[in-house]
Amino acid sequence: MNNLSISGNVGRDAELRTVNTANGSQSVLSFPVAVKSSRKGDDGKYISDWFDCSLWGKRAESLAQYIKKGGAVSVCGDVSLEQYTTNQGQAGAKMKVNVREVTLLGGKQEQQAATTQQPAQQPAPQQRQPQQNYQPQIGQPPSNYFDDEMPDF
Protein backbone atom coordinates (compact mmCIF):
# COMPACT_ATOMS: atom_id res chain seq x y z
CA MET A 1 0.00 0.00 0.00
CA ASN A 2 1.36 3.39 -1.00
CA ASN A 3 0.28 5.90 1.65
CA LEU A 4 2.04 8.98 2.99
CA SER A 5 0.85 11.31 5.76
CA ILE A 6 2.67 14.59 6.34
CA SER A 7 2.06 17.81 8.24
CA GLY A 8 3.87 21.00 7.36
CA ASN A 9 3.62 24.51 5.99
CA VAL A 10 2.52 25.54 2.50
CA GLY A 11 5.47 27.02 0.57
CA ARG A 12 3.43 29.27 -1.79
CA ASP A 13 -0.20 30.02 -2.56
CA ALA A 14 -1.93 27.06 -4.20
CA GLU A 15 -2.34 27.18 -7.98
CA LEU A 16 -5.65 26.00 -9.49
CA ARG A 17 -5.50 24.79 -13.09
CA THR A 18 -7.75 22.88 -15.45
CA VAL A 19 -6.16 19.97 -17.31
CA ASN A 20 -7.47 17.75 -20.07
CA THR A 21 -7.63 14.05 -19.18
CA ALA A 22 -9.02 10.96 -20.89
CA ASN A 23 -12.26 11.57 -18.93
CA GLY A 24 -12.54 15.23 -19.97
CA SER A 25 -11.21 18.30 -18.21
CA GLN A 26 -10.50 18.24 -14.49
CA SER A 27 -9.40 20.80 -11.93
CA VAL A 28 -6.09 20.26 -10.16
CA LEU A 29 -4.77 22.26 -7.22
CA SER A 30 -0.96 22.28 -6.84
CA PHE A 31 0.92 23.41 -3.75
CA PRO A 32 4.28 22.63 -2.11
CA VAL A 33 4.48 21.53 1.54
CA ALA A 34 7.64 21.88 3.64
CA VAL A 35 8.11 19.39 6.48
CA LYS A 36 10.79 20.04 9.09
CA SER A 37 13.08 17.03 9.24
CA SER A 38 14.94 15.68 12.26
CA ARG A 39 18.16 15.93 10.22
CA LYS A 40 20.50 18.88 10.51
CA GLY A 41 22.56 20.39 7.72
CA ASP A 42 26.23 21.37 7.81
CA ASP A 43 25.22 24.75 9.26
CA GLY A 44 23.48 23.07 12.23
CA LYS A 45 19.98 24.09 11.13
CA TYR A 46 17.17 21.62 10.59
CA ILE A 47 16.58 20.58 6.98
CA SER A 48 13.11 20.87 5.43
CA ASP A 49 11.83 18.16 3.11
CA TRP A 50 9.63 19.47 0.28
CA PHE A 51 6.66 17.66 -1.23
CA ASP A 52 4.78 18.78 -4.38
CA CYS A 53 1.11 18.09 -3.66
CA SER A 54 -1.75 17.76 -6.17
CA LEU A 55 -5.43 17.68 -5.25
CA TRP A 56 -7.97 16.83 -7.96
CA GLY A 57 -11.64 17.49 -8.73
CA LYS A 58 -14.29 19.46 -6.86
CA ARG A 59 -12.29 19.52 -3.63
CA ALA A 60 -9.49 21.27 -5.50
CA GLU A 61 -11.89 23.98 -6.60
CA SER A 62 -13.39 24.46 -3.14
CA LEU A 63 -10.08 24.52 -1.24
CA ALA A 64 -8.11 26.74 -3.64
CA GLN A 65 -8.94 29.93 -1.75
CA TYR A 66 -7.88 28.50 1.62
CA ILE A 67 -4.46 26.95 0.91
CA LYS A 68 -2.12 29.91 1.25
CA LYS A 69 1.61 30.39 1.79
CA GLY A 70 2.58 29.84 5.43
CA GLY A 71 -0.59 27.97 6.34
CA ALA A 72 -0.25 24.68 8.19
CA VAL A 73 -1.75 21.62 6.49
CA SER A 74 -1.86 17.88 6.91
CA VAL A 75 -2.11 15.76 3.76
CA CYS A 76 -2.47 12.04 3.07
CA GLY A 77 -2.04 10.43 -0.32
CA ASP A 78 0.01 8.34 -2.71
CA VAL A 79 3.66 9.31 -3.03
CA SER A 80 5.95 9.01 -6.04
CA LEU A 81 9.49 10.06 -6.85
CA GLU A 82 9.98 12.13 -9.99
CA GLN A 83 13.55 12.24 -11.29
CA TYR A 84 14.70 14.99 -13.62
CA THR A 85 17.76 16.65 -15.12
CA THR A 86 18.28 20.41 -14.80
CA ASN A 87 19.32 22.66 -17.69
CA GLN A 88 22.85 22.56 -16.24
CA GLY A 89 22.89 18.74 -16.54
CA GLN A 90 22.52 18.00 -12.83
CA ALA A 91 20.30 15.13 -11.75
CA GLY A 92 17.52 15.91 -9.31
CA ALA A 93 14.45 14.33 -7.78
CA LYS A 94 11.31 15.51 -6.07
CA MET A 95 8.60 13.85 -4.05
CA LYS A 96 5.08 14.18 -5.47
CA VAL A 97 1.92 13.47 -3.49
CA ASN A 98 -1.41 12.69 -5.13
CA VAL A 99 -3.56 14.00 -2.26
CA ARG A 100 -6.57 11.98 -1.06
CA GLU A 101 -7.17 13.89 2.19
CA VAL A 102 -6.20 17.39 3.28
CA THR A 103 -6.78 19.10 6.62
CA LEU A 104 -6.24 22.82 7.11
CA LEU A 105 -4.48 23.32 10.44
CA GLY A 106 -4.31 27.13 10.43
CA GLY A 107 -1.39 29.42 9.94
CA LYS A 108 0.07 32.89 10.20
CA GLN A 109 -2.86 34.63 8.51
CA GLU A 110 -5.46 33.21 10.91
CA GLN A 111 -3.27 34.02 13.90
CA GLN A 112 -2.73 37.61 12.75
CA ALA A 113 -6.44 38.08 12.07
CA ALA A 114 -7.31 36.77 15.52
CA THR A 115 -4.91 39.15 17.27
CA THR A 116 -5.93 42.25 15.31
CA GLN A 117 -9.68 41.88 15.81
CA GLN A 118 -11.21 43.93 18.60
CA PRO A 119 -12.80 41.78 21.27
CA ALA A 120 -16.58 42.07 21.28
CA GLN A 121 -18.27 43.59 24.30
CA GLN A 122 -19.68 40.75 26.32
CA PRO A 123 -22.23 41.14 29.06
CA ALA A 124 -21.06 40.48 32.57
CA PRO A 125 -21.60 36.85 33.52
CA GLN A 126 -24.58 36.23 35.72
CA GLN A 127 -23.93 34.36 38.90
CA ARG A 128 -25.89 31.20 39.38
CA GLN A 129 -27.69 30.60 42.61
CA PRO A 130 -26.71 27.34 44.31
CA GLN A 131 -29.43 24.72 44.34
CA GLN A 132 -30.87 23.99 47.74
CA ASN A 133 -30.97 20.40 49.03
CA TYR A 134 -29.29 18.89 45.96
CA GLN A 135 -29.34 15.10 46.06
CA PRO A 136 -27.56 13.24 43.26
CA GLN A 137 -29.49 10.37 41.73
CA ILE A 138 -27.46 7.19 41.82
CA GLY A 139 -28.74 4.20 39.90
CA GLN A 140 -28.17 0.57 40.76
CA PRO A 141 -25.95 -1.56 38.50
CA PRO A 142 -27.60 -4.45 36.66
CA SER A 143 -27.92 -7.63 38.68
CA ASN A 144 -25.30 -9.48 36.59
CA TYR A 145 -22.80 -6.58 36.71
CA PHE A 146 -20.48 -8.31 39.17
CA ASP A 147 -20.57 -11.82 37.64
CA ASP A 148 -17.12 -13.35 37.85
CA GLU A 149 -17.69 -15.92 35.15
CA MET A 150 -15.80 -15.42 31.92
CA PRO A 151 -17.45 -16.47 28.67
CA ASP A 152 -16.07 -19.53 26.87
CA PHE A 153 -14.43 -18.82 23.56
C-alpha atoms as a PDB file:
ATOM      1  CA  MET A   1       0.000   0.000   0.000  1.00  0.00           C
ATOM      2  CA  ASN A   2       1.363   3.392  -0.998  1.00  0.00           C
ATOM      3  CA  ASN A   3       0.282   5.902   1.654  1.00  0.00           C
ATOM      4  CA  LEU A   4       2.044   8.981   2.988  1.00  0.00           C
ATOM      5  CA  SER A   5       0.850  11.308   5.759  1.00  0.00           C
ATOM      6  CA  ILE A   6       2.667  14.594   6.341  1.00  0.00           C
ATOM      7  CA  SER A   7       2.057  17.812   8.243  1.00  0.00           C
ATOM      8  CA  GLY A   8       3.869  21.001   7.362  1.00  0.00           C
ATOM      9  CA  ASN A   9       3.616  24.507   5.987  1.00  0.00           C
ATOM     10  CA  VAL A  10       2.517  25.543   2.503  1.00  0.00           C
ATOM     11  CA  GLY A  11       5.465  27.024   0.575  1.00  0.00           C
ATOM     12  CA  ARG A  12       3.434  29.267  -1.787  1.00  0.00           C
ATOM     13  CA  ASP A  13      -0.205  30.016  -2.558  1.00  0.00           C
ATOM     14  CA  ALA A  14      -1.930  27.064  -4.197  1.00  0.00           C
ATOM     15  CA  GLU A  15      -2.338  27.183  -7.984  1.00  0.00           C
ATOM     16  CA  LEU A  16      -5.654  25.998  -9.486  1.00  0.00           C
ATOM     17  CA  ARG A  17      -5.504  24.787 -13.090  1.00  0.00           C
ATOM     18  CA  THR A  18      -7.753  22.875 -15.449  1.00  0.00           C
ATOM     19  CA  VAL A  19      -6.158  19.966 -17.315  1.00  0.00           C
ATOM     20  CA  ASN A  20      -7.466  17.748 -20.066  1.00  0.00           C
ATOM     21  CA  THR A  21      -7.631  14.051 -19.179  1.00  0.00           C
ATOM     22  CA  ALA A  22      -9.019  10.965 -20.889  1.00  0.00           C
ATOM     23  CA  ASN A  23     -12.255  11.573 -18.927  1.00  0.00           C
ATOM     24  CA  GLY A  24     -12.543  15.229 -19.974  1.00  0.00           C
ATOM     25  CA  SER A  25     -11.206  18.304 -18.206  1.00  0.00           C
ATOM     26  CA  GLN A  26     -10.503  18.236 -14.487  1.00  0.00           C
ATOM     27  CA  SER A  27      -9.402  20.797 -11.926  1.00  0.00           C
ATOM     28  CA  VAL A  28      -6.093  20.258 -10.161  1.00  0.00           C
ATOM     29  CA  LEU A  29      -4.766  22.258  -7.221  1.00  0.00           C
ATOM     30  CA  SER A  30      -0.962  22.277  -6.845  1.00  0.00           C
ATOM     31  CA  PHE A  31       0.923  23.413  -3.752  1.00  0.00           C
ATOM     32  CA  PRO A  32       4.282  22.625  -2.110  1.00  0.00           C
ATOM     33  CA  VAL A  33       4.485  21.532   1.537  1.00  0.00           C
ATOM     34  CA  ALA A  34       7.643  21.876   3.644  1.00  0.00           C
ATOM     35  CA  VAL A  35       8.110  19.392   6.475  1.00  0.00           C
ATOM     36  CA  LYS A  36      10.788  20.035   9.089  1.00  0.00           C
ATOM     37  CA  SER A  37      13.079  17.026   9.243  1.00  0.00           C
ATOM     38  CA  SER A  38      14.935  15.683  12.259  1.00  0.00           C
ATOM     39  CA  ARG A  39      18.161  15.929  10.218  1.00  0.00           C
ATOM     40  CA  LYS A  40      20.503  18.878  10.511  1.00  0.00           C
ATOM     41  CA  GLY A  41      22.557  20.394   7.721  1.00  0.00           C
ATOM     42  CA  ASP A  42      26.226  21.373   7.811  1.00  0.00           C
ATOM     43  CA  ASP A  43      25.222  24.746   9.265  1.00  0.00           C
ATOM     44  CA  GLY A  44      23.483  23.070  12.232  1.00  0.00           C
ATOM     45  CA  LYS A  45      19.979  24.087  11.126  1.00  0.00           C
ATOM     46  CA  TYR A  46      17.175  21.618  10.587  1.00  0.00           C
ATOM     47  CA  ILE A  47      16.579  20.575   6.981  1.00  0.00           C
ATOM     48  CA  SER A  48      13.110  20.870   5.434  1.00  0.00           C
ATOM     49  CA  ASP A  49      11.834  18.160   3.114  1.00  0.00           C
ATOM     50  CA  TRP A  50       9.633  19.469   0.281  1.00  0.00           C
ATOM     51  CA  PHE A  51       6.659  17.664  -1.232  1.00  0.00           C
ATOM     52  CA  ASP A  52       4.784  18.776  -4.376  1.00  0.00           C
ATOM     53  CA  CYS A  53       1.107  18.086  -3.659  1.00  0.00           C
ATOM     54  CA  SER A  54      -1.746  17.762  -6.174  1.00  0.00           C
ATOM     55  CA  LEU A  55      -5.431  17.675  -5.249  1.00  0.00           C
ATOM     56  CA  TRP A  56      -7.968  16.832  -7.957  1.00  0.00           C
ATOM     57  CA  GLY A  57     -11.640  17.488  -8.727  1.00  0.00           C
ATOM     58  CA  LYS A  58     -14.288  19.460  -6.856  1.00  0.00           C
ATOM     59  CA  ARG A  59     -12.292  19.519  -3.628  1.00  0.00           C
ATOM     60  CA  ALA A  60      -9.486  21.265  -5.499  1.00  0.00           C
ATOM     61  CA  GLU A  61     -11.889  23.984  -6.597  1.00  0.00           C
ATOM     62  CA  SER A  62     -13.390  24.464  -3.142  1.00  0.00           C
ATOM     63  CA  LEU A  63     -10.083  24.517  -1.237  1.00  0.00           C
ATOM     64  CA  ALA A  64      -8.107  26.737  -3.642  1.00  0.00           C
ATOM     65  CA  GLN A  65      -8.941  29.927  -1.753  1.00  0.00           C
ATOM     66  CA  TYR A  66      -7.882  28.497   1.621  1.00  0.00           C
ATOM     67  CA  ILE A  67      -4.464  26.951   0.910  1.00  0.00           C
ATOM     68  CA  LYS A  68      -2.118  29.908   1.246  1.00  0.00           C
ATOM     69  CA  LYS A  69       1.610  30.391   1.788  1.00  0.00           C
ATOM     70  CA  GLY A  70       2.583  29.837   5.426  1.00  0.00           C
ATOM     71  CA  GLY A  71      -0.591  27.969   6.343  1.00  0.00           C
ATOM     72  CA  ALA A  72      -0.250  24.684   8.192  1.00  0.00           C
ATOM     73  CA  VAL A  73      -1.753  21.617   6.486  1.00  0.00           C
ATOM     74  CA  SER A  74      -1.858  17.884   6.906  1.00  0.00           C
ATOM     75  CA  VAL A  75      -2.107  15.762   3.761  1.00  0.00           C
ATOM     76  CA  CYS A  76      -2.472  12.045   3.070  1.00  0.00           C
ATOM     77  CA  GLY A  77      -2.037  10.428  -0.321  1.00  0.00           C
ATOM     78  CA  ASP A  78       0.009   8.336  -2.712  1.00  0.00           C
ATOM     79  CA  VAL A  79       3.663   9.314  -3.028  1.00  0.00           C
ATOM     80  CA  SER A  80       5.947   9.008  -6.036  1.00  0.00           C
ATOM     81  CA  LEU A  81       9.489  10.064  -6.848  1.00  0.00           C
ATOM     82  CA  GLU A  82       9.985  12.127  -9.988  1.00  0.00           C
ATOM     83  CA  GLN A  83      13.553  12.239 -11.293  1.00  0.00           C
ATOM     84  CA  TYR A  84      14.699  14.992 -13.622  1.00  0.00           C
ATOM     85  CA  THR A  85      17.763  16.650 -15.117  1.00  0.00           C
ATOM     86  CA  THR A  86      18.280  20.410 -14.797  1.00  0.00           C
ATOM     87  CA  ASN A  87      19.318  22.660 -17.691  1.00  0.00           C
ATOM     88  CA  GLN A  88      22.853  22.556 -16.239  1.00  0.00           C
ATOM     89  CA  GLY A  89      22.894  18.745 -16.540  1.00  0.00           C
ATOM     90  CA  GLN A  90      22.518  17.997 -12.831  1.00  0.00           C
ATOM     91  CA  ALA A  91      20.300  15.125 -11.754  1.00  0.00           C
ATOM     92  CA  GLY A  92      17.518  15.906  -9.310  1.00  0.00           C
ATOM     93  CA  ALA A  93      14.452  14.326  -7.776  1.00  0.00           C
ATOM     94  CA  LYS A  94      11.311  15.510  -6.068  1.00  0.00           C
ATOM     95  CA  MET A  95       8.602  13.847  -4.045  1.00  0.00           C
ATOM     96  CA  LYS A  96       5.082  14.176  -5.471  1.00  0.00           C
ATOM     97  CA  VAL A  97       1.924  13.470  -3.491  1.00  0.00           C
ATOM     98  CA  ASN A  98      -1.412  12.688  -5.131  1.00  0.00           C
ATOM     99  CA  VAL A  99      -3.555  13.996  -2.264  1.00  0.00           C
ATOM    100  CA  ARG A 100      -6.566  11.980  -1.061  1.00  0.00           C
ATOM    101  CA  GLU A 101      -7.168  13.886   2.186  1.00  0.00           C
ATOM    102  CA  VAL A 102      -6.203  17.391   3.279  1.00  0.00           C
ATOM    103  CA  THR A 103      -6.779  19.104   6.620  1.00  0.00           C
ATOM    104  CA  LEU A 104      -6.242  22.821   7.106  1.00  0.00           C
ATOM    105  CA  LEU A 105      -4.481  23.322  10.439  1.00  0.00           C
ATOM    106  CA  GLY A 106      -4.314  27.127  10.425  1.00  0.00           C
ATOM    107  CA  GLY A 107      -1.385  29.419   9.938  1.00  0.00           C
ATOM    108  CA  LYS A 108       0.066  32.893  10.199  1.00  0.00           C
ATOM    109  CA  GLN A 109      -2.865  34.634   8.513  1.00  0.00           C
ATOM    110  CA  GLU A 110      -5.462  33.215  10.911  1.00  0.00           C
ATOM    111  CA  GLN A 111      -3.268  34.016  13.905  1.00  0.00           C
ATOM    112  CA  GLN A 112      -2.733  37.614  12.751  1.00  0.00           C
ATOM    113  CA  ALA A 113      -6.444  38.081  12.070  1.00  0.00           C
ATOM    114  CA  ALA A 114      -7.313  36.770  15.521  1.00  0.00           C
ATOM    115  CA  THR A 115      -4.907  39.147  17.268  1.00  0.00           C
ATOM    116  CA  THR A 116      -5.927  42.248  15.310  1.00  0.00           C
ATOM    117  CA  GLN A 117      -9.676  41.881  15.814  1.00  0.00           C
ATOM    118  CA  GLN A 118     -11.214  43.933  18.595  1.00  0.00           C
ATOM    119  CA  PRO A 119     -12.797  41.778  21.271  1.00  0.00           C
ATOM    120  CA  ALA A 120     -16.576  42.065  21.285  1.00  0.00           C
ATOM    121  CA  GLN A 121     -18.266  43.595  24.304  1.00  0.00           C
ATOM    122  CA  GLN A 122     -19.676  40.751  26.321  1.00  0.00           C
ATOM    123  CA  PRO A 123     -22.232  41.142  29.063  1.00  0.00           C
ATOM    124  CA  ALA A 124     -21.063  40.480  32.574  1.00  0.00           C
ATOM    125  CA  PRO A 125     -21.597  36.853  33.522  1.00  0.00           C
ATOM    126  CA  GLN A 126     -24.577  36.225  35.721  1.00  0.00           C
ATOM    127  CA  GLN A 127     -23.934  34.362  38.902  1.00  0.00           C
ATOM    128  CA  ARG A 128     -25.890  31.201  39.379  1.00  0.00           C
ATOM    129  CA  GLN A 129     -27.686  30.605  42.614  1.00  0.00           C
ATOM    130  CA  PRO A 130     -26.707  27.335  44.306  1.00  0.00           C
ATOM    131  CA  GLN A 131     -29.427  24.724  44.341  1.00  0.00           C
ATOM    132  CA  GLN A 132     -30.868  23.985  47.744  1.00  0.00           C
ATOM    133  CA  ASN A 133     -30.965  20.396  49.029  1.00  0.00           C
ATOM    134  CA  TYR A 134     -29.291  18.895  45.956  1.00  0.00           C
ATOM    135  CA  GLN A 135     -29.345  15.100  46.059  1.00  0.00           C
ATOM    136  CA  PRO A 136     -27.559  13.244  43.258  1.00  0.00           C
ATOM    137  CA  GLN A 137     -29.493  10.372  41.733  1.00  0.00           C
ATOM    138  CA  ILE A 138     -27.460   7.188  41.816  1.00  0.00           C
ATOM    139  CA  GLY A 139     -28.742   4.201  39.899  1.00  0.00           C
ATOM    140  CA  GLN A 140     -28.174   0.569  40.760  1.00  0.00           C
ATOM    141  CA  PRO A 141     -25.951  -1.561  38.495  1.00  0.00           C
ATOM    142  CA  PRO A 142     -27.599  -4.454  36.656  1.00  0.00           C
ATOM    143  CA  SER A 143     -27.916  -7.630  38.684  1.00  0.00           C
ATOM    144  CA  ASN A 144     -25.302  -9.481  36.591  1.00  0.00           C
ATOM    145  CA  TYR A 145     -22.801  -6.575  36.708  1.00  0.00           C
ATOM    146  CA  PHE A 146     -20.479  -8.311  39.171  1.00  0.00           C
ATOM    147  CA  ASP A 147     -20.567 -11.825  37.635  1.00  0.00           C
ATOM    148  CA  ASP A 148     -17.117 -13.350  37.854  1.00  0.00           C
ATOM    149  CA  GLU A 149     -17.689 -15.919  35.146  1.00  0.00           C
ATOM    150  CA  MET A 150     -15.795 -15.415  31.924  1.00  0.00           C
ATOM    151  CA  PRO A 151     -17.447 -16.475  28.673  1.00  0.00           C
ATOM    152  CA  ASP A 152     -16.074 -19.530  26.870  1.00  0.00           C
ATOM    153  CA  PHE A 153     -14.435 -18.819  23.555  1.00  0.00           C
END
